[in-house]
Amino acid sequence: MWQRLWGWARGRAPAWQNRPPLILVNGLAEQSESWYRNRWYWERHFDVKVPEILVYQGRQLQQRIAQNLAIDVPYLTEALEDYLERFVQKPPYFLVASSLGCQVVIEYAVRRPDQVARMVLICPSGFGDRERLPVVEGVRHHDMEALLKSIFHDPTHVDANMLAYLRQQMQQRDWKKALLRTVRGTAEHSVREKLAQVRCPTLVICGQEDRIVDPLQVREAVQHLPQFKYLALARCGHAPQIERYRQVNRLVRAFLTMPESRPMSRLAQVEATASREKSAEFPTSATGAVHVPG
């Protein structure tokens, strides 16, 4: 028995691999809430880094609030660049971002195009008109039901432990104040005019039932840009990496690992990956959007 257990344990030990760096950048949700259903899968294939540039109870944001300094996209972009320059130093990077984090990585990719290999943008904000932010009212009034309905098409996908954590945080004055100051500092920022300057291949994943970012505006913003590919997930809200995590995990891996020498083939294979995930064919619109059924 002990020999079998020892053999099983030895078989589980991972071999060393030189994995490419994958940088995760969160939106208004902090890192731990954003990627808890994804990191374990992506870490099999990438050297995953999780920069904590937006920690609401952290010293950096609390000091900025005390000094009446803005918490805005330029500040967050500087923080990301500083993190990569000081603590990763292995470009070019794969960047995967959610919501507000998409604006940060786009600003970085335009500023430092030689440092970015590919990007995946999940429900990106800043592509259209001002976003709807019912999430703010949920936080301001301690209304957990309103908060969940604003983020998820089906709130039953929320992990119970995360729900308990959010309830606890909503009672913390410094956490709530930092979140609302971040919303105020970033709400008017737009990256739409910079999308044409993005040089790296970029996959955009939206939820068709998103109540915060309008997926139609996102599609309109990227549909004529050849470096972008747009995918729409049916029956999914503002957090596909949680609500449809199995599908998103595989889509991200497929897109980031496609051979560089066959860009058109890469896009076709990403669509095929999504198709196999749900064992269904997805109708492709004239705009290049792939509508993925639930």
C-alpha atoms as a PDB file:
ATOM      1  CA  MET A   1       0.000   0.000   0.000  1.00  0.00           C
ATOM      2  CA  TRP A   2       2.720   2.466   0.997  1.00  0.00           C
ATOM      3  CA  GLN A   3       4.645   1.679  -2.174  1.00  0.00           C
ATOM      4  CA  ARG A   4       1.595   2.487  -4.255  1.00  0.00           C
ATOM      5  CA  LEU A   5       1.040   5.749  -2.375  1.00  0.00           C
ATOM      6  CA  TRP A   6       4.680   6.715  -2.803  1.00  0.00           C
ATOM      7  CA  GLY A   7       4.528   5.904  -6.512  1.00  0.00           C
ATOM      8  CA  TRP A   8       1.371   7.990  -6.886  1.00  0.00           C
ATOM      9  CA  ALA A   9       3.009  10.891  -5.070  1.00  0.00           C
ATOM     10  CA  ARG A  10       6.099  10.687  -7.248  1.00  0.00           C
ATOM     11  CA  GLY A  11       3.941  10.589 -10.354  1.00  0.00           C
ATOM     12  CA  ARG A  12       2.266  13.821  -9.293  1.00  0.00           C
ATOM     13  CA  ALA A  13       5.522  15.763  -9.016  1.00  0.00           C
ATOM     14  CA  PRO A  14       5.701  18.237 -11.919  1.00  0.00           C
ATOM     15  CA  ALA A  15       8.694  18.311 -14.231  1.00  0.00           C
ATOM     16  CA  TRP A  16      10.458  21.601 -14.819  1.00  0.00           C
ATOM     17  CA  GLN A  17       9.349  23.481 -17.912  1.00  0.00           C
ATOM     18  CA  ASN A  18      10.323  26.845 -19.336  1.00  0.00           C
ATOM     19  CA  ARG A  19       6.783  28.220 -19.527  1.00  0.00           C
ATOM     20  CA  PRO A  20       6.002  31.603 -21.108  1.00  0.00           C
ATOM     21  CA  PRO A  21       4.853  34.317 -18.679  1.00  0.00           C
ATOM     22  CA  LEU A  22       1.118  34.935 -18.462  1.00  0.00           C
ATOM     23  CA  ILE A  23       0.083  38.099 -16.640  1.00  0.00           C
ATOM     24  CA  LEU A  24      -3.429  38.355 -15.144  1.00  0.00           C
ATOM     25  CA  VAL A  25      -4.889  41.828 -14.639  1.00  0.00           C
ATOM     26  CA  ASN A  26      -8.158  42.167 -12.743  1.00  0.00           C
ATOM     27  CA  GLY A  27     -10.955  44.685 -13.067  1.00  0.00           C
ATOM     28  CA  LEU A  28     -12.841  46.222 -10.153  1.00  0.00           C
ATOM     29  CA  ALA A  29     -12.923  42.838  -8.471  1.00  0.00           C
ATOM     30  CA  GLU A  30      -9.595  42.115  -6.783  1.00  0.00           C
ATOM     31  CA  GLN A  31      -7.290  39.400  -8.073  1.00  0.00           C
ATOM     32  CA  SER A  32      -8.358  36.567  -5.766  1.00  0.00           C
ATOM     33  CA  GLU A  33     -12.039  36.966  -6.717  1.00  0.00           C
ATOM     34  CA  SER A  34     -11.263  37.341 -10.427  1.00  0.00           C
ATOM     35  CA  TRP A  35      -9.232  34.255 -11.291  1.00  0.00           C
ATOM     36  CA  TYR A  36      -9.894  31.525  -8.703  1.00  0.00           C
ATOM     37  CA  ARG A  37     -11.391  29.228 -11.355  1.00  0.00           C
ATOM     38  CA  ASN A  38      -8.650  29.808 -13.907  1.00  0.00           C
ATOM     39  CA  ARG A  39      -5.194  29.982 -12.358  1.00  0.00           C
ATOM     40  CA  TRP A  40      -4.944  26.263 -11.580  1.00  0.00           C
ATOM     41  CA  TYR A  41      -5.611  25.403 -15.240  1.00  0.00           C
ATOM     42  CA  TRP A  42      -3.407  28.053 -16.846  1.00  0.00           C
ATOM     43  CA  GLU A  43      -0.520  27.290 -14.475  1.00  0.00           C
ATOM     44  CA  ARG A  44      -0.165  23.916 -16.207  1.00  0.00           C
ATOM     45  CA  HIS A  45       0.857  25.703 -19.384  1.00  0.00           C
ATOM     46  CA  PHE A  46       2.162  29.150 -18.406  1.00  0.00           C
ATOM     47  CA  ASP A  47       4.239  30.896 -15.770  1.00  0.00           C
ATOM     48  CA  VAL A  48       1.297  32.756 -14.270  1.00  0.00           C
ATOM     49  CA  LYS A  49       1.927  36.113 -12.581  1.00  0.00           C
ATOM     50  CA  VAL A  50      -0.751  37.961 -10.620  1.00  0.00           C
ATOM     51  CA  PRO A  51       0.247  41.598  -9.982  1.00  0.00           C
ATOM     52  CA  GLU A  52      -1.660  43.048  -7.048  1.00  0.00           C
ATOM     53  CA  ILE A  53      -1.981  46.569  -8.428  1.00  0.00           C
ATOM     54  CA  LEU A  54      -5.515  47.129  -7.129  1.00  0.00           C
ATOM     55  CA  VAL A  55      -5.824  46.142  -3.455  1.00  0.00           C
ATOM     56  CA  TYR A  56      -8.509  48.266  -1.822  1.00  0.00           C
ATOM     57  CA  GLN A  57      -7.273  47.895   1.744  1.00  0.00           C
ATOM     58  CA  GLY A  58      -3.622  47.985   0.718  1.00  0.00           C
ATOM     59  CA  ARG A  59      -1.244  50.729   1.751  1.00  0.00           C
ATOM     60  CA  GLN A  60      -0.713  52.119  -1.762  1.00  0.00           C
ATOM     61  CA  LEU A  61      -4.361  52.895  -2.490  1.00  0.00           C
ATOM     62  CA  GLN A  62      -5.091  54.069   1.031  1.00  0.00           C
ATOM     63  CA  GLN A  63      -2.169  56.515   0.831  1.00  0.00           C
ATOM     64  CA  ARG A  64      -3.386  57.858  -2.511  1.00  0.00           C
ATOM     65  CA  ILE A  65      -6.829  58.417  -1.040  1.00  0.00           C
ATOM     66  CA  ALA A  66      -5.348  60.197   2.000  1.00  0.00           C
ATOM     67  CA  GLN A  67      -3.322  62.435  -0.349  1.00  0.00           C
ATOM     68  CA  ASN A  68      -6.363  63.042  -2.573  1.00  0.00           C
ATOM     69  CA  LEU A  69      -4.603  61.500  -5.586  1.00  0.00           C
ATOM     70  CA  ALA A  70      -6.523  59.885  -8.403  1.00  0.00           C
ATOM     71  CA  ILE A  71      -6.892  56.129  -8.764  1.00  0.00           C
ATOM     72  CA  ASP A  72      -7.192  56.096 -12.539  1.00  0.00           C
ATOM     73  CA  VAL A  73      -6.110  54.093 -15.582  1.00  0.00           C
ATOM     74  CA  PRO A  74      -2.793  55.963 -16.040  1.00  0.00           C
ATOM     75  CA  TYR A  75      -1.865  55.197 -12.429  1.00  0.00           C
ATOM     76  CA  LEU A  76      -2.786  51.517 -12.803  1.00  0.00           C
ATOM     77  CA  THR A  77      -0.860  51.282 -16.091  1.00  0.00           C
ATOM     78  CA  GLU A  78       2.244  52.734 -14.440  1.00  0.00           C
ATOM     79  CA  ALA A  79       1.863  50.204 -11.628  1.00  0.00           C
ATOM     80  CA  LEU A  80       1.627  47.307 -14.102  1.00  0.00           C
ATOM     81  CA  GLU A  81       4.651  48.510 -16.051  1.00  0.00           C
ATOM     82  CA  ASP A  82       6.665  48.903 -12.850  1.00  0.00           C
ATOM     83  CA  TYR A  83       5.715  45.376 -11.745  1.00  0.00           C
ATOM     84  CA  LEU A  84       6.733  43.828 -15.065  1.00  0.00           C
ATOM     85  CA  GLU A  85       9.988  45.779 -15.243  1.00  0.00           C
ATOM     86  CA  ARG A  86      11.043  44.969 -11.696  1.00  0.00           C
ATOM     87  CA  PHE A  87       9.628  41.535 -10.915  1.00  0.00           C
ATOM     88  CA  VAL A  88       9.074  39.601 -14.151  1.00  0.00           C
ATOM     89  CA  GLN A  89      11.588  40.840 -16.749  1.00  0.00           C
ATOM     90  CA  LYS A  90      10.771  38.102 -19.281  1.00  0.00           C
ATOM     91  CA  PRO A  91       9.055  39.765 -22.250  1.00  0.00           C
ATOM     92  CA  PRO A  92       7.209  39.404 -24.484  1.00  0.00           C
ATOM     93  CA  TYR A  93       4.226  38.747 -22.255  1.00  0.00           C
ATOM     94  CA  PHE A  94       0.841  37.118 -22.638  1.00  0.00           C
ATOM     95  CA  LEU A  95      -1.711  39.416 -20.992  1.00  0.00           C
ATOM     96  CA  VAL A  96      -5.165  38.276 -19.872  1.00  0.00           C
ATOM     97  CA  ALA A  97      -7.378  40.970 -18.395  1.00  0.00           C
ATOM     98  CA  SER A  98     -10.942  41.476 -17.219  1.00  0.00           C
ATOM     99  CA  SER A  99     -13.192  44.547 -17.472  1.00  0.00           C
ATOM    100  CA  LEU A 100     -11.266  47.609 -16.209  1.00  0.00           C
ATOM    101  CA  GLY A 101      -8.027  45.627 -16.424  1.00  0.00           C
ATOM    102  CA  CYS A 102      -8.487  45.496 -20.209  1.00  0.00           C
ATOM    103  CA  GLN A 103      -8.036  49.266 -20.391  1.00  0.00           C
ATOM    104  CA  VAL A 104      -4.823  48.932 -18.395  1.00  0.00           C
ATOM    105  CA  VAL A 105      -3.295  46.276 -20.659  1.00  0.00           C
ATOM    106  CA  ILE A 106      -4.326  48.125 -23.824  1.00  0.00           C
ATOM    107  CA  GLU A 107      -2.612  51.275 -22.575  1.00  0.00           C
ATOM    108  CA  TYR A 108       0.460  49.192 -21.763  1.00  0.00           C
ATOM    109  CA  ALA A 109       0.415  47.394 -25.131  1.00  0.00           C
ATOM    110  CA  VAL A 110       0.230  50.699 -27.010  1.00  0.00           C
ATOM    111  CA  ARG A 111       2.991  52.191 -24.895  1.00  0.00           C
ATOM    112  CA  ARG A 112       5.243  49.107 -25.013  1.00  0.00           C
ATOM    113  CA  PRO A 113       4.287  47.077 -28.109  1.00  0.00           C
ATOM    114  CA  ASP A 114       7.568  45.158 -28.077  1.00  0.00           C
ATOM    115  CA  GLN A 115       6.729  43.778 -24.622  1.00  0.00           C
ATOM    116  CA  VAL A 116       3.411  42.118 -25.505  1.00  0.00           C
ATOM    117  CA  ALA A 117       3.027  38.902 -27.512  1.00  0.00           C
ATOM    118  CA  ARG A 118      -0.766  38.386 -27.339  1.00  0.00           C
ATOM    119  CA  MET A 119      -3.711  39.529 -25.259  1.00  0.00           C
ATOM    120  CA  VAL A 120      -7.065  38.173 -24.161  1.00  0.00           C
ATOM    121  CA  LEU A 121      -9.628  40.784 -23.111  1.00  0.00           C
ATOM    122  CA  ILE A 122     -12.632  39.546 -21.118  1.00  0.00           C
ATOM    123  CA  CYS A 123     -15.689  41.852 -21.087  1.00  0.00           C
ATOM    124  CA  PRO A 124     -13.511  44.920 -21.710  1.00  0.00           C
ATOM    125  CA  SER A 125     -14.672  48.303 -20.478  1.00  0.00           C
ATOM    126  CA  GLY A 126     -13.782  51.603 -22.134  1.00  0.00           C
ATOM    127  CA  PHE A 127     -14.728  50.486 -25.668  1.00  0.00           C
ATOM    128  CA  GLY A 128     -17.997  52.392 -25.959  1.00  0.00           C
ATOM    129  CA  ASP A 129     -20.131  54.884 -24.112  1.00  0.00           C
ATOM    130  CA  ARG A 130     -20.129  55.153 -20.354  1.00  0.00           C
ATOM    131  CA  GLU A 131     -20.606  51.724 -18.770  1.00  0.00           C
ATOM    132  CA  ARG A 132     -23.629  50.844 -16.703  1.00  0.00           C
ATOM    133  CA  LEU A 133     -22.494  50.337 -13.130  1.00  0.00           C
ATOM    134  CA  PRO A 134     -25.295  48.780 -11.051  1.00  0.00           C
ATOM    135  CA  VAL A 135     -22.470  47.079  -9.139  1.00  0.00           C
ATOM    136  CA  VAL A 136     -21.742  50.448  -7.507  1.00  0.00           C
ATOM    137  CA  GLU A 137     -25.242  50.722  -6.089  1.00  0.00           C
ATOM    138  CA  GLY A 138     -24.960  47.196  -4.761  1.00  0.00           C
ATOM    139  CA  VAL A 139     -21.772  48.077  -2.871  1.00  0.00           C
ATOM    140  CA  ARG A 140     -22.969  51.479  -1.704  1.00  0.00           C
ATOM    141  CA  HIS A 141     -26.188  50.106  -0.230  1.00  0.00           C
ATOM    142  CA  HIS A 142     -24.778  46.747   0.971  1.00  0.00           C
ATOM    143  CA  ASP A 143     -27.154  45.043  -1.469  1.00  0.00           C
ATOM    144  CA  MET A 144     -25.546  41.694  -2.262  1.00  0.00           C
ATOM    145  CA  GLU A 145     -28.423  40.566  -4.476  1.00  0.00           C
ATOM    146  CA  ALA A 146     -28.101  43.663  -6.671  1.00  0.00           C
ATOM    147  CA  LEU A 147     -24.328  43.188  -6.808  1.00  0.00           C
ATOM    148  CA  LEU A 148     -24.597  39.585  -7.990  1.00  0.00           C
ATOM    149  CA  LYS A 149     -27.335  40.315 -10.522  1.00  0.00           C
ATOM    150  CA  SER A 150     -25.219  43.068 -12.059  1.00  0.00           C
ATOM    151  CA  ILE A 151     -22.261  40.722 -12.595  1.00  0.00           C
ATOM    152  CA  PHE A 152     -23.693  37.274 -13.306  1.00  0.00           C
ATOM    153  CA  HIS A 153     -26.348  36.043 -15.694  1.00  0.00           C
ATOM    154  CA  ASP A 154     -26.845  33.124 -13.289  1.00  0.00           C
ATOM    155  CA  PRO A 155     -25.763  34.046  -9.719  1.00  0.00           C
ATOM    156  CA  THR A 156     -25.769  30.377  -8.676  1.00  0.00           C
ATOM    157  CA  HIS A 157     -22.299  30.164 -10.248  1.00  0.00           C
ATOM    158  CA  VAL A 158     -20.883  32.223  -7.373  1.00  0.00           C
ATOM    159  CA  ASP A 159     -18.724  30.339  -4.890  1.00  0.00           C
ATOM    160  CA  ALA A 160     -20.180  30.413  -1.361  1.00  0.00           C
ATOM    161  CA  ASN A 161     -16.825  31.279   0.215  1.00  0.00           C
ATOM    162  CA  MET A 162     -16.346  34.205  -2.150  1.00  0.00           C
ATOM    163  CA  LEU A 163     -19.858  35.387  -1.363  1.00  0.00           C
ATOM    164  CA  ALA A 164     -19.102  35.347   2.356  1.00  0.00           C
ATOM    165  CA  TYR A 165     -15.863  37.245   1.734  1.00  0.00           C
ATOM    166  CA  LEU A 166     -17.632  39.948  -0.293  1.00  0.00           C
ATOM    167  CA  ARG A 167     -20.294  40.361   2.390  1.00  0.00           C
ATOM    168  CA  GLN A 168     -17.536  40.880   4.928  1.00  0.00           C
ATOM    169  CA  GLN A 169     -15.659  43.369   2.731  1.00  0.00           C
ATOM    170  CA  MET A 170     -18.767  45.422   2.034  1.00  0.00           C
ATOM    171  CA  GLN A 171     -18.876  46.201   5.749  1.00  0.00           C
ATOM    172  CA  GLN A 172     -15.308  47.583   5.696  1.00  0.00           C
ATOM    173  CA  ARG A 173     -15.325  51.344   5.242  1.00  0.00           C
ATOM    174  CA  ASP A 174     -11.787  51.639   3.807  1.00  0.00           C
ATOM    175  CA  TRP A 175     -12.391  48.817   1.299  1.00  0.00           C
ATOM    176  CA  LYS A 176     -15.652  50.325   0.110  1.00  0.00           C
ATOM    177  CA  LYS A 177     -14.219  53.830  -0.106  1.00  0.00           C
ATOM    178  CA  ALA A 178     -11.270  52.667  -2.210  1.00  0.00           C
ATOM    179  CA  LEU A 179     -13.555  50.748  -4.560  1.00  0.00           C
ATOM    180  CA  LEU A 180     -15.833  53.740  -5.083  1.00  0.00           C
ATOM    181  CA  ARG A 181     -12.840  56.076  -5.579  1.00  0.00           C
ATOM    182  CA  THR A 182     -11.499  53.683  -8.223  1.00  0.00           C
ATOM    183  CA  VAL A 183     -14.847  53.719 -10.012  1.00  0.00           C
ATOM    184  CA  ARG A 184     -14.879  57.515  -9.909  1.00  0.00           C
ATOM    185  CA  GLY A 185     -11.316  57.764 -11.214  1.00  0.00           C
ATOM    186  CA  THR A 186     -11.764  55.324 -14.097  1.00  0.00           C
ATOM    187  CA  ALA A 187     -15.397  55.708 -15.215  1.00  0.00           C
ATOM    188  CA  GLU A 188     -14.751  58.338 -17.904  1.00  0.00           C
ATOM    189  CA  HIS A 189     -11.650  56.722 -19.389  1.00  0.00           C
ATOM    190  CA  SER A 190     -11.868  55.296 -22.907  1.00  0.00           C
ATOM    191  CA  VAL A 191      -9.414  53.259 -24.966  1.00  0.00           C
ATOM    192  CA  ARG A 192     -11.521  53.037 -28.125  1.00  0.00           C
ATOM    193  CA  GLU A 193      -9.334  55.481 -30.052  1.00  0.00           C
ATOM    194  CA  LYS A 194      -6.238  53.448 -29.175  1.00  0.00           C
ATOM    195  CA  LEU A 195      -7.485  50.064 -30.359  1.00  0.00           C
ATOM    196  CA  ALA A 196      -6.116  50.565 -33.876  1.00  0.00           C
ATOM    197  CA  GLN A 197      -2.650  51.064 -32.367  1.00  0.00           C
ATOM    198  CA  VAL A 198      -2.622  47.588 -30.796  1.00  0.00           C
ATOM    199  CA  ARG A 199      -0.180  45.473 -32.819  1.00  0.00           C
ATOM    200  CA  CYS A 200      -0.427  42.063 -31.156  1.00  0.00           C
ATOM    201  CA  PRO A 201      -3.091  39.402 -31.854  1.00  0.00           C
ATOM    202  CA  THR A 202      -5.946  39.952 -29.406  1.00  0.00           C
ATOM    203  CA  LEU A 203      -8.911  37.775 -28.478  1.00  0.00           C
ATOM    204  CA  VAL A 204     -11.983  39.509 -27.041  1.00  0.00           C
ATOM    205  CA  ILE A 205     -14.470  37.418 -25.037  1.00  0.00           C
ATOM    206  CA  CYS A 206     -17.815  38.914 -24.022  1.00  0.00           C
ATOM    207  CA  GLY A 207     -20.931  37.633 -22.286  1.00  0.00           C
ATOM    208  CA  GLN A 208     -24.065  38.285 -24.311  1.00  0.00           C
ATOM    209  CA  GLU A 209     -26.031  39.012 -21.137  1.00  0.00           C
ATOM    210  CA  ASP A 210     -23.502  41.480 -19.726  1.00  0.00           C
ATOM    211  CA  ARG A 211     -25.330  44.206 -17.754  1.00  0.00           C
ATOM    212  CA  ILE A 212     -22.231  46.361 -17.266  1.00  0.00           C
ATOM    213  CA  VAL A 213     -20.421  46.422 -20.628  1.00  0.00           C
ATOM    214  CA  ASP A 214     -22.511  46.434 -23.807  1.00  0.00           C
ATOM    215  CA  PRO A 215     -21.178  43.500 -25.895  1.00  0.00           C
ATOM    216  CA  LEU A 216     -22.585  45.025 -29.088  1.00  0.00           C
ATOM    217  CA  GLN A 217     -20.512  48.169 -28.581  1.00  0.00           C
ATOM    218  CA  VAL A 218     -17.427  46.051 -27.950  1.00  0.00           C
ATOM    219  CA  ARG A 219     -18.026  44.094 -31.168  1.00  0.00           C
ATOM    220  CA  GLU A 220     -18.557  47.307 -33.109  1.00  0.00           C
ATOM    221  CA  ALA A 221     -15.294  48.732 -31.776  1.00  0.00           C
ATOM    222  CA  VAL A 222     -13.139  45.796 -32.923  1.00  0.00           C
ATOM    223  CA  GLN A 223     -14.943  44.248 -35.884  1.00  0.00           C
ATOM    224  CA  HIS A 224     -12.877  46.049 -38.544  1.00  0.00           C
ATOM    225  CA  LEU A 225      -9.518  45.675 -36.794  1.00  0.00           C
ATOM    226  CA  PRO A 226      -7.663  42.649 -38.200  1.00  0.00           C
ATOM    227  CA  GLN A 227      -5.613  41.977 -35.053  1.00  0.00           C
ATOM    228  CA  PHE A 228      -8.781  41.444 -32.970  1.00  0.00           C
ATOM    229  CA  LYS A 229     -11.049  38.394 -32.781  1.00  0.00           C
ATOM    230  CA  TYR A 230     -14.400  38.656 -30.999  1.00  0.00           C
ATOM    231  CA  LEU A 231     -16.246  35.797 -29.278  1.00  0.00           C
ATOM    232  CA  ALA A 232     -19.655  36.116 -27.617  1.00  0.00           C
ATOM    233  CA  LEU A 233     -20.769  33.584 -24.989  1.00  0.00           C
ATOM    234  CA  ALA A 234     -24.526  33.109 -24.707  1.00  0.00           C
ATOM    235  CA  ARG A 235     -26.273  33.052 -21.314  1.00  0.00           C
ATOM    236  CA  CYS A 236     -23.261  34.664 -19.669  1.00  0.00           C
ATOM    237  CA  GLY A 237     -22.800  37.947 -17.806  1.00  0.00           C
ATOM    238  CA  HIS A 238     -19.828  40.139 -16.922  1.00  0.00           C
ATOM    239  CA  ALA A 239     -17.575  37.384 -15.524  1.00  0.00           C
ATOM    240  CA  PRO A 240     -17.173  34.608 -18.143  1.00  0.00           C
ATOM    241  CA  GLN A 241     -13.972  33.443 -16.432  1.00  0.00           C
ATOM    242  CA  ILE A 242     -16.211  32.381 -13.512  1.00  0.00           C
ATOM    243  CA  GLU A 243     -19.584  31.691 -15.095  1.00  0.00           C
ATOM    244  CA  ARG A 244     -18.165  29.782 -18.092  1.00  0.00           C
ATOM    245  CA  TYR A 245     -14.727  28.988 -16.726  1.00  0.00           C
ATOM    246  CA  ARG A 246     -14.149  25.632 -18.430  1.00  0.00           C
ATOM    247  CA  GLN A 247     -14.753  27.153 -21.822  1.00  0.00           C
ATOM    248  CA  VAL A 248     -12.750  30.309 -21.113  1.00  0.00           C
ATOM    249  CA  ASN A 249      -9.822  28.319 -19.719  1.00  0.00           C
ATOM    250  CA  ARG A 250      -9.528  26.315 -22.938  1.00  0.00           C
ATOM    251  CA  LEU A 251     -10.127  29.258 -25.252  1.00  0.00           C
ATOM    252  CA  VAL A 252      -7.375  31.279 -23.593  1.00  0.00           C
ATOM    253  CA  ARG A 253      -4.932  28.398 -23.740  1.00  0.00           C
ATOM    254  CA  ALA A 254      -5.765  27.652 -27.394  1.00  0.00           C
ATOM    255  CA  PHE A 255      -5.393  31.264 -28.491  1.00  0.00           C
ATOM    256  CA  LEU A 256      -2.133  31.900 -26.650  1.00  0.00           C
ATOM    257  CA  THR A 257      -0.435  28.714 -27.821  1.00  0.00           C
ATOM    258  CA  MET A 258      -1.326  28.791 -31.529  1.00  0.00           C
ATOM    259  CA  PRO A 259       1.706  28.788 -33.884  1.00  0.00           C
ATOM    260  CA  GLU A 260       2.792  32.319 -34.810  1.00  0.00           C
ATOM    261  CA  SER A 261       3.461  31.297 -38.400  1.00  0.00           C
ATOM    262  CA  ARG A 262      -0.216  30.542 -39.124  1.00  0.00           C
ATOM    263  CA  PRO A 263      -2.329  33.467 -37.884  1.00  0.00           C
ATOM    264  CA  MET A 264      -5.467  32.620 -39.912  1.00  0.00           C
ATOM    265  CA  SER A 265      -5.188  28.996 -38.862  1.00  0.00           C
ATOM    266  CA  ARG A 266      -4.865  30.124 -35.255  1.00  0.00           C
ATOM    267  CA  LEU A 267      -8.198  31.966 -35.342  1.00  0.00           C
ATOM    268  CA  ALA A 268      -9.934  29.019 -36.994  1.00  0.00           C
ATOM    269  CA  GLN A 269      -8.582  26.668 -34.346  1.00  0.00           C
ATOM    270  CA  VAL A 270      -9.800  28.915 -31.528  1.00  0.00           C
ATOM    271  CA  GLU A 271     -13.302  28.742 -32.973  1.00  0.00           C
ATOM    272  CA  ALA A 272     -12.982  24.966 -33.314  1.00  0.00           C
ATOM    273  CA  THR A 273     -11.876  24.721 -29.681  1.00  0.00           C
ATOM    274  CA  ALA A 274     -15.017  26.539 -28.557  1.00  0.00           C
ATOM    275  CA  SER A 275     -17.102  24.270 -30.748  1.00  0.00           C
ATOM    276  CA  ARG A 276     -15.635  21.096 -29.271  1.00  0.00           C
ATOM    277  CA  GLU A 277     -16.126  22.441 -25.744  1.00  0.00           C
ATOM    278  CA  LYS A 278     -19.902  22.456 -26.113  1.00  0.00           C
ATOM    279  CA  SER A 279     -20.228  19.831 -28.890  1.00  0.00           C
ATOM    280  CA  ALA A 280     -22.132  22.261 -31.049  1.00  0.00           C
ATOM    281  CA  GLU A 281     -21.613  24.426 -34.087  1.00  0.00           C
ATOM    282  CA  PHE A 282     -21.582  28.150 -33.492  1.00  0.00           C
ATOM    283  CA  PRO A 283     -23.057  30.447 -36.156  1.00  0.00           C
ATOM    284  CA  THR A 284     -20.482  33.010 -37.265  1.00  0.00           C
ATOM    285  CA  SER A 285     -21.803  36.443 -38.155  1.00  0.00           C
ATOM    286  CA  ALA A 286     -20.577  38.613 -40.995  1.00  0.00           C
ATOM    287  CA  THR A 287     -18.646  40.657 -38.453  1.00  0.00           C
ATOM    288  CA  GLY A 288     -16.500  37.705 -37.475  1.00  0.00           C
ATOM    289  CA  ALA A 289     -18.232  37.227 -34.137  1.00  0.00           C
ATOM    290  CA  VAL A 290     -18.669  33.655 -32.958  1.00  0.00           C
ATOM    291  CA  HIS A 291     -21.839  33.208 -30.896  1.00  0.00           C
ATOM    292  CA  VAL A 292     -21.272  30.391 -28.435  1.00  0.00           C
ATOM    293  CA  PRO A 293     -24.436  28.733 -27.123  1.00  0.00           C
ATOM    294  CA  GLY A 294     -24.730  27.706 -23.513  1.00  0.00           C
END
